């Protein structure tokens, strides 16, 4: 994901789904925060799914492998 990229957020706890954008945080900080109106749609401790999309031409689409990143309670990346 890159700064200002649009992402979808799915709140597993409440069922809320909404679009927002990526905001920079310190590297390896584990920070995931929602600002503005989006902040009212999830609370600290809620489990969320963050979805990012990409566009590919036909050749790229055939070889693309999606990445699923799972994290622990402190947002540290878990081994795959």
PDB file of N, CA and C in Angstrom:
ATOM      1  N   UNK A   1       0.845  -1.173   0.000  1.00  0.00           N
ATOM      2  CA  UNK A   1       0.000   0.000   0.000  1.00  0.00           C
ATOM      3  C   UNK A   1       0.887   1.232   0.000  1.00  0.00           C
ATOM      4  N   UNK A   2       0.381   2.283  -0.585  1.00  0.00           N
ATOM      5  CA  UNK A   2       1.152   3.522  -0.663  1.00  0.00           C
ATOM      6  C   UNK A   2       0.332   4.679  -0.091  1.00  0.00           C
ATOM      7  N   UNK A   3       1.036   5.721   0.326  1.00  0.00           N
ATOM      8  CA  UNK A   3       0.388   6.891   0.907  1.00  0.00           C
ATOM      9  C   UNK A   3      -0.681   7.425  -0.054  1.00  0.00           C
ATOM     10  N   UNK A   4      -1.825   7.752   0.491  1.00  0.00           N
ATOM     11  CA  UNK A   4      -2.991   8.290  -0.226  1.00  0.00           C
ATOM     12  C   UNK A   4      -3.731   7.274  -1.093  1.00  0.00           C
ATOM     13  N   UNK A   5      -3.297   6.021  -1.094  1.00  0.00           N
ATOM     14  CA  UNK A   5      -4.013   4.989  -1.847  1.00  0.00           C
ATOM     15  C   UNK A   5      -5.376   4.730  -1.207  1.00  0.00           C
ATOM     16  N   UNK A   6      -6.394   4.594  -2.029  1.00  0.00           N
ATOM     17  CA  UNK A   6      -7.724   4.251  -1.524  1.00  0.00           C
ATOM     18  C   UNK A   6      -7.720   2.788  -1.084  1.00  0.00           C
ATOM     19  N   UNK A   7      -8.304   2.517   0.065  1.00  0.00           N
ATOM     20  CA  UNK A   7      -8.442   1.159   0.575  1.00  0.00           C
ATOM     21  C   UNK A   7      -9.861   0.982   1.107  1.00  0.00           C
ATOM     22  N   UNK A   8     -10.298  -0.249   1.155  1.00  0.00           N
ATOM     23  CA  UNK A   8     -11.578  -0.591   1.767  1.00  0.00           C
ATOM     24  C   UNK A   8     -11.288  -1.161   3.147  1.00  0.00           C
ATOM     25  N   UNK A   9     -12.118  -0.818   4.112  1.00  0.00           N
ATOM     26  CA  UNK A   9     -11.994  -1.338   5.471  1.00  0.00           C
ATOM     27  C   UNK A   9     -13.249  -2.139   5.773  1.00  0.00           C
ATOM     28  N   UNK A  10     -13.075  -3.365   6.251  1.00  0.00           N
ATOM     29  CA  UNK A  10     -14.190  -4.200   6.681  1.00  0.00           C
ATOM     30  C   UNK A  10     -14.017  -4.420   8.175  1.00  0.00           C
ATOM     31  N   UNK A  11     -14.954  -3.923   8.974  1.00  0.00           N
ATOM     32  CA  UNK A  11     -14.890  -4.095  10.419  1.00  0.00           C
ATOM     33  C   UNK A  11     -15.545  -5.429  10.761  1.00  0.00           C
ATOM     34  N   UNK A  12     -14.747  -6.385  11.198  1.00  0.00           N
ATOM     35  CA  UNK A  12     -15.230  -7.734  11.504  1.00  0.00           C
ATOM     36  C   UNK A  12     -16.177  -7.708  12.700  1.00  0.00           C
ATOM     37  N   UNK A  13     -15.974  -6.772  13.619  1.00  0.00           N
ATOM     38  CA  UNK A  13     -16.774  -6.706  14.844  1.00  0.00           C
ATOM     39  C   UNK A  13     -18.183  -6.171  14.585  1.00  0.00           C
ATOM     40  N   UNK A  14     -18.319  -5.167  13.717  1.00  0.00           N
ATOM     41  CA  UNK A  14     -19.610  -4.493  13.538  1.00  0.00           C
ATOM     42  C   UNK A  14     -20.255  -4.736  12.182  1.00  0.00           C
ATOM     43  N   UNK A  15     -19.485  -5.236  11.232  1.00  0.00           N
ATOM     44  CA  UNK A  15     -19.997  -5.412   9.881  1.00  0.00           C
ATOM     45  C   UNK A  15     -19.898  -4.164   9.024  1.00  0.00           C
ATOM     46  N   UNK A  16     -19.401  -3.065   9.591  1.00  0.00           N
ATOM     47  CA  UNK A  16     -19.260  -1.821   8.819  1.00  0.00           C
ATOM     48  C   UNK A  16     -18.237  -2.019   7.707  1.00  0.00           C
ATOM     49  N   UNK A  17     -18.525  -1.432   6.550  1.00  0.00           N
ATOM     50  CA  UNK A  17     -17.608  -1.445   5.402  1.00  0.00           C
ATOM     51  C   UNK A  17     -17.533  -0.030   4.877  1.00  0.00           C
ATOM     52  N   UNK A  18     -16.320   0.451   4.663  1.00  0.00           N
ATOM     53  CA  UNK A  18     -16.176   1.821   4.184  1.00  0.00           C
ATOM     54  C   UNK A  18     -14.849   1.995   3.476  1.00  0.00           C
ATOM     55  N   UNK A  19     -14.774   3.045   2.682  1.00  0.00           N
ATOM     56  CA  UNK A  19     -13.551   3.374   1.958  1.00  0.00           C
ATOM     57  C   UNK A  19     -12.846   4.516   2.673  1.00  0.00           C
ATOM     58  N   UNK A  20     -11.525   4.468   2.649  1.00  0.00           N
ATOM     59  CA  UNK A  20     -10.704   5.542   3.199  1.00  0.00           C
ATOM     60  C   UNK A  20      -9.390   5.535   2.431  1.00  0.00           C
ATOM     61  N   UNK A  21      -8.366   6.146   2.970  1.00  0.00           N
ATOM     62  CA  UNK A  21      -7.086   6.202   2.273  1.00  0.00           C
ATOM     63  C   UNK A  21      -5.945   5.975   3.254  1.00  0.00           C
ATOM     64  N   UNK A  22      -4.799   5.585   2.723  1.00  0.00           N
ATOM     65  CA  UNK A  22      -3.622   5.263   3.535  1.00  0.00           C
ATOM     66  C   UNK A  22      -2.943   6.552   3.990  1.00  0.00           C
ATOM     67  N   UNK A  23      -2.664   6.618   5.288  1.00  0.00           N
ATOM     68  CA  UNK A  23      -1.935   7.738   5.890  1.00  0.00           C
ATOM     69  C   UNK A  23      -0.612   7.193   6.409  1.00  0.00           C
ATOM     70  N   UNK A  24       0.446   7.941   6.254  1.00  0.00           N
ATOM     71  CA  UNK A  24       1.772   7.498   6.681  1.00  0.00           C
ATOM     72  C   UNK A  24       1.851   7.360   8.198  1.00  0.00           C
ATOM     73  N   UNK A  25       2.552   6.320   8.649  1.00  0.00           N
ATOM     74  CA  UNK A  25       2.858   6.092  10.067  1.00  0.00           C
ATOM     75  C   UNK A  25       4.328   5.706  10.148  1.00  0.00           C
ATOM     76  N   UNK A  26       4.932   5.812  11.328  1.00  0.00           N
ATOM     77  CA  UNK A  26       6.338   5.422  11.444  1.00  0.00           C
ATOM     78  C   UNK A  26       6.540   3.961  11.025  1.00  0.00           C
ATOM     79  N   UNK A  27       7.617   3.670  10.285  1.00  0.00           N
ATOM     80  CA  UNK A  27       7.895   2.296   9.863  1.00  0.00           C
ATOM     81  C   UNK A  27       7.928   1.336  11.052  1.00  0.00           C
ATOM     82  N   UNK A  28       7.358   0.153  10.850  1.00  0.00           N
ATOM     83  CA  UNK A  28       7.330  -0.924  11.843  1.00  0.00           C
ATOM     84  C   UNK A  28       6.687  -0.511  13.170  1.00  0.00           C
ATOM     85  N   UNK A  29       5.870   0.538  13.167  1.00  0.00           N
ATOM     86  CA  UNK A  29       5.215   0.989  14.401  1.00  0.00           C
ATOM     87  C   UNK A  29       3.984   0.157  14.734  1.00  0.00           C
ATOM     88  N   UNK A  30       3.447  -0.548  13.739  1.00  0.00           N
ATOM     89  CA  UNK A  30       2.211  -1.289  13.963  1.00  0.00           C
ATOM     90  C   UNK A  30       0.992  -0.386  14.037  1.00  0.00           C
ATOM     91  N   UNK A  31       1.165   0.884  13.698  1.00  0.00           N
ATOM     92  CA  UNK A  31       0.071   1.846  13.805  1.00  0.00           C
ATOM     93  C   UNK A  31      -0.944   1.663  12.687  1.00  0.00           C
ATOM     94  N   UNK A  32      -2.185   1.450  13.087  1.00  0.00           N
ATOM     95  CA  UNK A  32      -3.312   1.478  12.168  1.00  0.00           C
ATOM     96  C   UNK A  32      -4.317   2.406  12.826  1.00  0.00           C
ATOM     97  N   UNK A  33      -4.567   3.541  12.207  1.00  0.00           N
ATOM     98  CA  UNK A  33      -5.505   4.492  12.807  1.00  0.00           C
ATOM     99  C   UNK A  33      -6.454   5.018  11.753  1.00  0.00           C
ATOM    100  N   UNK A  34      -7.619   5.393  12.215  1.00  0.00           N
ATOM    101  CA  UNK A  34      -8.634   5.972  11.345  1.00  0.00           C
ATOM    102  C   UNK A  34      -8.864   7.400  11.792  1.00  0.00           C
ATOM    103  N   UNK A  35      -8.906   8.309  10.842  1.00  0.00           N
ATOM    104  CA  UNK A  35      -9.108   9.716  11.150  1.00  0.00           C
ATOM    105  C   UNK A  35     -10.387  10.218  10.500  1.00  0.00           C
ATOM    106  N   UNK A  36     -10.845  11.376  10.933  1.00  0.00           N
ATOM    107  CA  UNK A  36     -12.024  11.991  10.342  1.00  0.00           C
ATOM    108  C   UNK A  36     -13.266  11.139  10.538  1.00  0.00           C
ATOM    109  N   UNK A  37     -14.154  11.174   9.550  1.00  0.00           N
ATOM    110  CA  UNK A  37     -15.423  10.449   9.649  1.00  0.00           C
ATOM    111  C   UNK A  37     -15.213   8.946   9.821  1.00  0.00           C
ATOM    112  N   UNK A  38     -14.160   8.400   9.215  1.00  0.00           N
ATOM    113  CA  UNK A  38     -13.885   6.960   9.328  1.00  0.00           C
ATOM    114  C   UNK A  38     -13.629   6.543  10.768  1.00  0.00           C
ATOM    115  N   UNK A  39     -13.140   7.456  11.594  1.00  0.00           N
ATOM    116  CA  UNK A  39     -12.830   7.136  12.992  1.00  0.00           C
ATOM    117  C   UNK A  39     -14.083   6.749  13.770  1.00  0.00           C
ATOM    118  N   UNK A  40     -15.240   7.110  13.281  1.00  0.00           N
ATOM    119  CA  UNK A  40     -16.483   6.777  13.980  1.00  0.00           C
ATOM    120  C   UNK A  40     -16.990   5.378  13.617  1.00  0.00           C
ATOM    121  N   UNK A  41     -16.315   4.716  12.688  1.00  0.00           N
ATOM    122  CA  UNK A  41     -16.786   3.423  12.192  1.00  0.00           C
ATOM    123  C   UNK A  41     -16.020   2.232  12.745  1.00  0.00           C
ATOM    124  N   UNK A  42     -15.015   2.484  13.571  1.00  0.00           N
ATOM    125  CA  UNK A  42     -14.248   1.402  14.202  1.00  0.00           C
ATOM    126  C   UNK A  42     -13.653   1.936  15.497  1.00  0.00           C
ATOM    127  N   UNK A  43     -13.502   1.045  16.458  1.00  0.00           N
ATOM    128  CA  UNK A  43     -12.951   1.410  17.762  1.00  0.00           C
ATOM    129  C   UNK A  43     -11.621   0.691  17.967  1.00  0.00           C
ATOM    130  N   UNK A  44     -10.738   1.249  18.802  1.00  0.00           N
ATOM    131  CA  UNK A  44      -9.496   0.532  19.117  1.00  0.00           C
ATOM    132  C   UNK A  44      -9.819  -0.880  19.606  1.00  0.00           C
ATOM    133  N   UNK A  45      -9.101  -1.849  19.085  1.00  0.00           N
ATOM    134  CA  UNK A  45      -9.321  -3.245  19.449  1.00  0.00           C
ATOM    135  C   UNK A  45     -10.214  -3.999  18.483  1.00  0.00           C
ATOM    136  N   UNK A  46     -10.976  -3.286  17.631  1.00  0.00           N
ATOM    137  CA  UNK A  46     -11.800  -3.974  16.635  1.00  0.00           C
ATOM    138  C   UNK A  46     -10.895  -4.690  15.640  1.00  0.00           C
ATOM    139  N   UNK A  47     -11.296  -5.891  15.251  1.00  0.00           N
ATOM    140  CA  UNK A  47     -10.587  -6.586  14.174  1.00  0.00           C
ATOM    141  C   UNK A  47     -11.098  -6.029  12.857  1.00  0.00           C
ATOM    142  N   UNK A  48     -10.164  -5.656  11.981  1.00  0.00           N
ATOM    143  CA  UNK A  48     -10.542  -5.124  10.677  1.00  0.00           C
ATOM    144  C   UNK A  48      -9.783  -5.846   9.576  1.00  0.00           C
ATOM    145  N   UNK A  49     -10.329  -5.785   8.392  1.00  0.00           N
ATOM    146  CA  UNK A  49      -9.674  -6.278   7.188  1.00  0.00           C
ATOM    147  C   UNK A  49      -9.442  -5.060   6.308  1.00  0.00           C
ATOM    148  N   UNK A  50      -8.212  -4.901   5.837  1.00  0.00           N
ATOM    149  CA  UNK A  50      -7.873  -3.800   4.941  1.00  0.00           C
ATOM    150  C   UNK A  50      -7.665  -4.392   3.555  1.00  0.00           C
ATOM    151  N   UNK A  51      -8.394  -3.873   2.570  1.00  0.00           N
ATOM    152  CA  UNK A  51      -8.336  -4.399   1.210  1.00  0.00           C
ATOM    153  C   UNK A  51      -7.811  -3.318   0.273  1.00  0.00           C
ATOM    154  N   UNK A  52      -6.781  -3.655  -0.482  1.00  0.00           N
ATOM    155  CA  UNK A  52      -6.236  -2.754  -1.503  1.00  0.00           C
ATOM    156  C   UNK A  52      -6.419  -3.433  -2.857  1.00  0.00           C
ATOM    157  N   UNK A  53      -6.651  -2.640  -3.882  1.00  0.00           N
ATOM    158  CA  UNK A  53      -6.898  -3.154  -5.222  1.00  0.00           C
ATOM    159  C   UNK A  53      -5.814  -2.684  -6.177  1.00  0.00           C
ATOM    160  N   UNK A  54      -5.703  -3.376  -7.300  1.00  0.00           N
ATOM    161  CA  UNK A  54      -4.755  -2.976  -8.341  1.00  0.00           C
ATOM    162  C   UNK A  54      -5.362  -3.294  -9.705  1.00  0.00           C
ATOM    163  N   UNK A  55      -4.893  -2.604 -10.714  1.00  0.00           N
ATOM    164  CA  UNK A  55      -5.320  -2.859 -12.094  1.00  0.00           C
ATOM    165  C   UNK A  55      -4.154  -3.458 -12.865  1.00  0.00           C
ATOM    166  N   UNK A  56      -4.468  -4.455 -13.688  1.00  0.00           N
ATOM    167  CA  UNK A  56      -3.437  -5.142 -14.457  1.00  0.00           C
ATOM    168  C   UNK A  56      -3.894  -5.313 -15.892  1.00  0.00           C
ATOM    169  N   UNK A  57      -2.921  -5.392 -16.795  1.00  0.00           N
ATOM    170  CA  UNK A  57      -3.292  -5.814 -18.138  1.00  0.00           C
ATOM    171  C   UNK A  57      -3.431  -7.336 -18.095  1.00  0.00           C
ATOM    172  N   UNK A  58      -3.874  -7.922 -19.188  1.00  0.00           N
ATOM    173  CA  UNK A  58      -4.172  -9.357 -19.198  1.00  0.00           C
ATOM    174  C   UNK A  58      -2.959 -10.211 -18.849  1.00  0.00           C
ATOM    175  N   UNK A  59      -1.794  -9.880 -19.369  1.00  0.00           N
ATOM    176  CA  UNK A  59      -0.581 -10.663 -19.098  1.00  0.00           C
ATOM    177  C   UNK A  59      -0.205 -10.587 -17.618  1.00  0.00           C
ATOM    178  N   UNK A  60      -0.261  -9.394 -17.046  1.00  0.00           N
ATOM    179  CA  UNK A  60       0.070  -9.239 -15.624  1.00  0.00           C
ATOM    180  C   UNK A  60      -0.926  -9.984 -14.745  1.00  0.00           C
ATOM    181  N   UNK A  61      -2.193  -9.934 -15.109  1.00  0.00           N
ATOM    182  CA  UNK A  61      -3.228 -10.585 -14.311  1.00  0.00           C
ATOM    183  C   UNK A  61      -3.022 -12.093 -14.233  1.00  0.00           C
ATOM    184  N   UNK A  62      -2.480 -12.685 -15.287  1.00  0.00           N
ATOM    185  CA  UNK A  62      -2.263 -14.132 -15.305  1.00  0.00           C
ATOM    186  C   UNK A  62      -1.179 -14.572 -14.334  1.00  0.00           C
ATOM    187  N   UNK A  63      -0.234 -13.700 -14.031  1.00  0.00           N
ATOM    188  CA  UNK A  63       0.880 -14.088 -13.156  1.00  0.00           C
ATOM    189  C   UNK A  63       0.801 -13.461 -11.767  1.00  0.00           C
ATOM    190  N   UNK A  64      -0.171 -12.585 -11.554  1.00  0.00           N
ATOM    191  CA  UNK A  64      -0.268 -11.903 -10.260  1.00  0.00           C
ATOM    192  C   UNK A  64      -0.633 -12.873  -9.147  1.00  0.00           C
ATOM    193  N   UNK A  65       0.040 -12.753  -8.024  1.00  0.00           N
ATOM    194  CA  UNK A  65      -0.258 -13.542  -6.826  1.00  0.00           C
ATOM    195  C   UNK A  65      -0.652 -12.567  -5.715  1.00  0.00           C
ATOM    196  N   UNK A  66      -1.897 -12.612  -5.262  1.00  0.00           N
ATOM    197  CA  UNK A  66      -2.300 -11.687  -4.198  1.00  0.00           C
ATOM    198  C   UNK A  66      -1.539 -11.971  -2.906  1.00  0.00           C
ATOM    199  N   UNK A  67      -1.359 -10.941  -2.102  1.00  0.00           N
ATOM    200  CA  UNK A  67      -0.688 -11.089  -0.807  1.00  0.00           C
ATOM    201  C   UNK A  67      -1.715 -10.935   0.301  1.00  0.00           C
ATOM    202  N   UNK A  68      -1.696 -11.864   1.219  1.00  0.00           N
ATOM    203  CA  UNK A  68      -2.522 -11.771   2.417  1.00  0.00           C
ATOM    204  C   UNK A  68      -1.556 -11.650   3.583  1.00  0.00           C
ATOM    205  N   UNK A  69      -1.683 -10.568   4.324  1.00  0.00           N
ATOM    206  CA  UNK A  69      -0.796 -10.316   5.462  1.00  0.00           C
ATOM    207  C   UNK A  69      -1.627 -10.447   6.729  1.00  0.00           C
ATOM    208  N   UNK A  70      -1.233 -11.355   7.598  1.00  0.00           N
ATOM    209  CA  UNK A  70      -1.919 -11.526   8.884  1.00  0.00           C
ATOM    210  C   UNK A  70      -1.030 -10.949   9.973  1.00  0.00           C
ATOM    211  N   UNK A  71      -1.674 -10.322  10.951  1.00  0.00           N
ATOM    212  CA  UNK A  71      -0.924  -9.694  12.040  1.00  0.00           C
ATOM    213  C   UNK A  71      -1.453 -10.168  13.385  1.00  0.00           C
ATOM    214  N   UNK A  72      -0.622  -9.997  14.426  1.00  0.00           N
ATOM    215  CA  UNK A  72      -1.057 -10.335  15.779  1.00  0.00           C
ATOM    216  C   UNK A  72      -1.774  -9.132  16.402  1.00  0.00           C
ATOM    217  N   UNK A  73      -2.078  -9.211  17.697  1.00  0.00           N
ATOM    218  CA  UNK A  73      -2.806  -8.135  18.388  1.00  0.00           C
ATOM    219  C   UNK A  73      -2.060  -6.810  18.396  1.00  0.00           C
ATOM    220  N   UNK A  74      -0.735  -6.858  18.226  1.00  0.00           N
ATOM    221  CA  UNK A  74       0.078  -5.639  18.196  1.00  0.00           C
ATOM    222  C   UNK A  74       0.420  -5.222  16.768  1.00  0.00           C
ATOM    223  N   UNK A  75      -0.289  -5.800  15.807  1.00  0.00           N
ATOM    224  CA  UNK A  75      -0.094  -5.506  14.381  1.00  0.00           C
ATOM    225  C   UNK A  75       1.290  -5.870  13.872  1.00  0.00           C
ATOM    226  N   UNK A  76       1.910  -6.865  14.500  1.00  0.00           N
ATOM    227  CA  UNK A  76       3.179  -7.393  13.988  1.00  0.00           C
ATOM    228  C   UNK A  76       2.842  -8.483  12.977  1.00  0.00           C
ATOM    229  N   UNK A  77       3.552  -8.468  11.865  1.00  0.00           N
ATOM    230  CA  UNK A  77       3.289  -9.434  10.802  1.00  0.00           C
ATOM    231  C   UNK A  77       3.617 -10.841  11.280  1.00  0.00           C
ATOM    232  N   UNK A  78       2.670 -11.760  11.066  1.00  0.00           N
ATOM    233  CA  UNK A  78       2.859 -13.163  11.431  1.00  0.00           C
ATOM    234  C   UNK A  78       3.499 -13.908  10.272  1.00  0.00           C
ATOM    235  N   UNK A  79       4.282 -14.956  10.580  1.00  0.00           N
ATOM    236  CA  UNK A  79       4.861 -15.749   9.487  1.00  0.00           C
ATOM    237  C   UNK A  79       3.747 -16.398   8.667  1.00  0.00           C
ATOM    238  N   UNK A  80       3.990 -16.536   7.361  1.00  0.00           N
ATOM    239  CA  UNK A  80       2.949 -17.134   6.509  1.00  0.00           C
ATOM    240  C   UNK A  80       3.039 -18.625   6.474  1.00  0.00           C
TER     241      UNK A  80
END
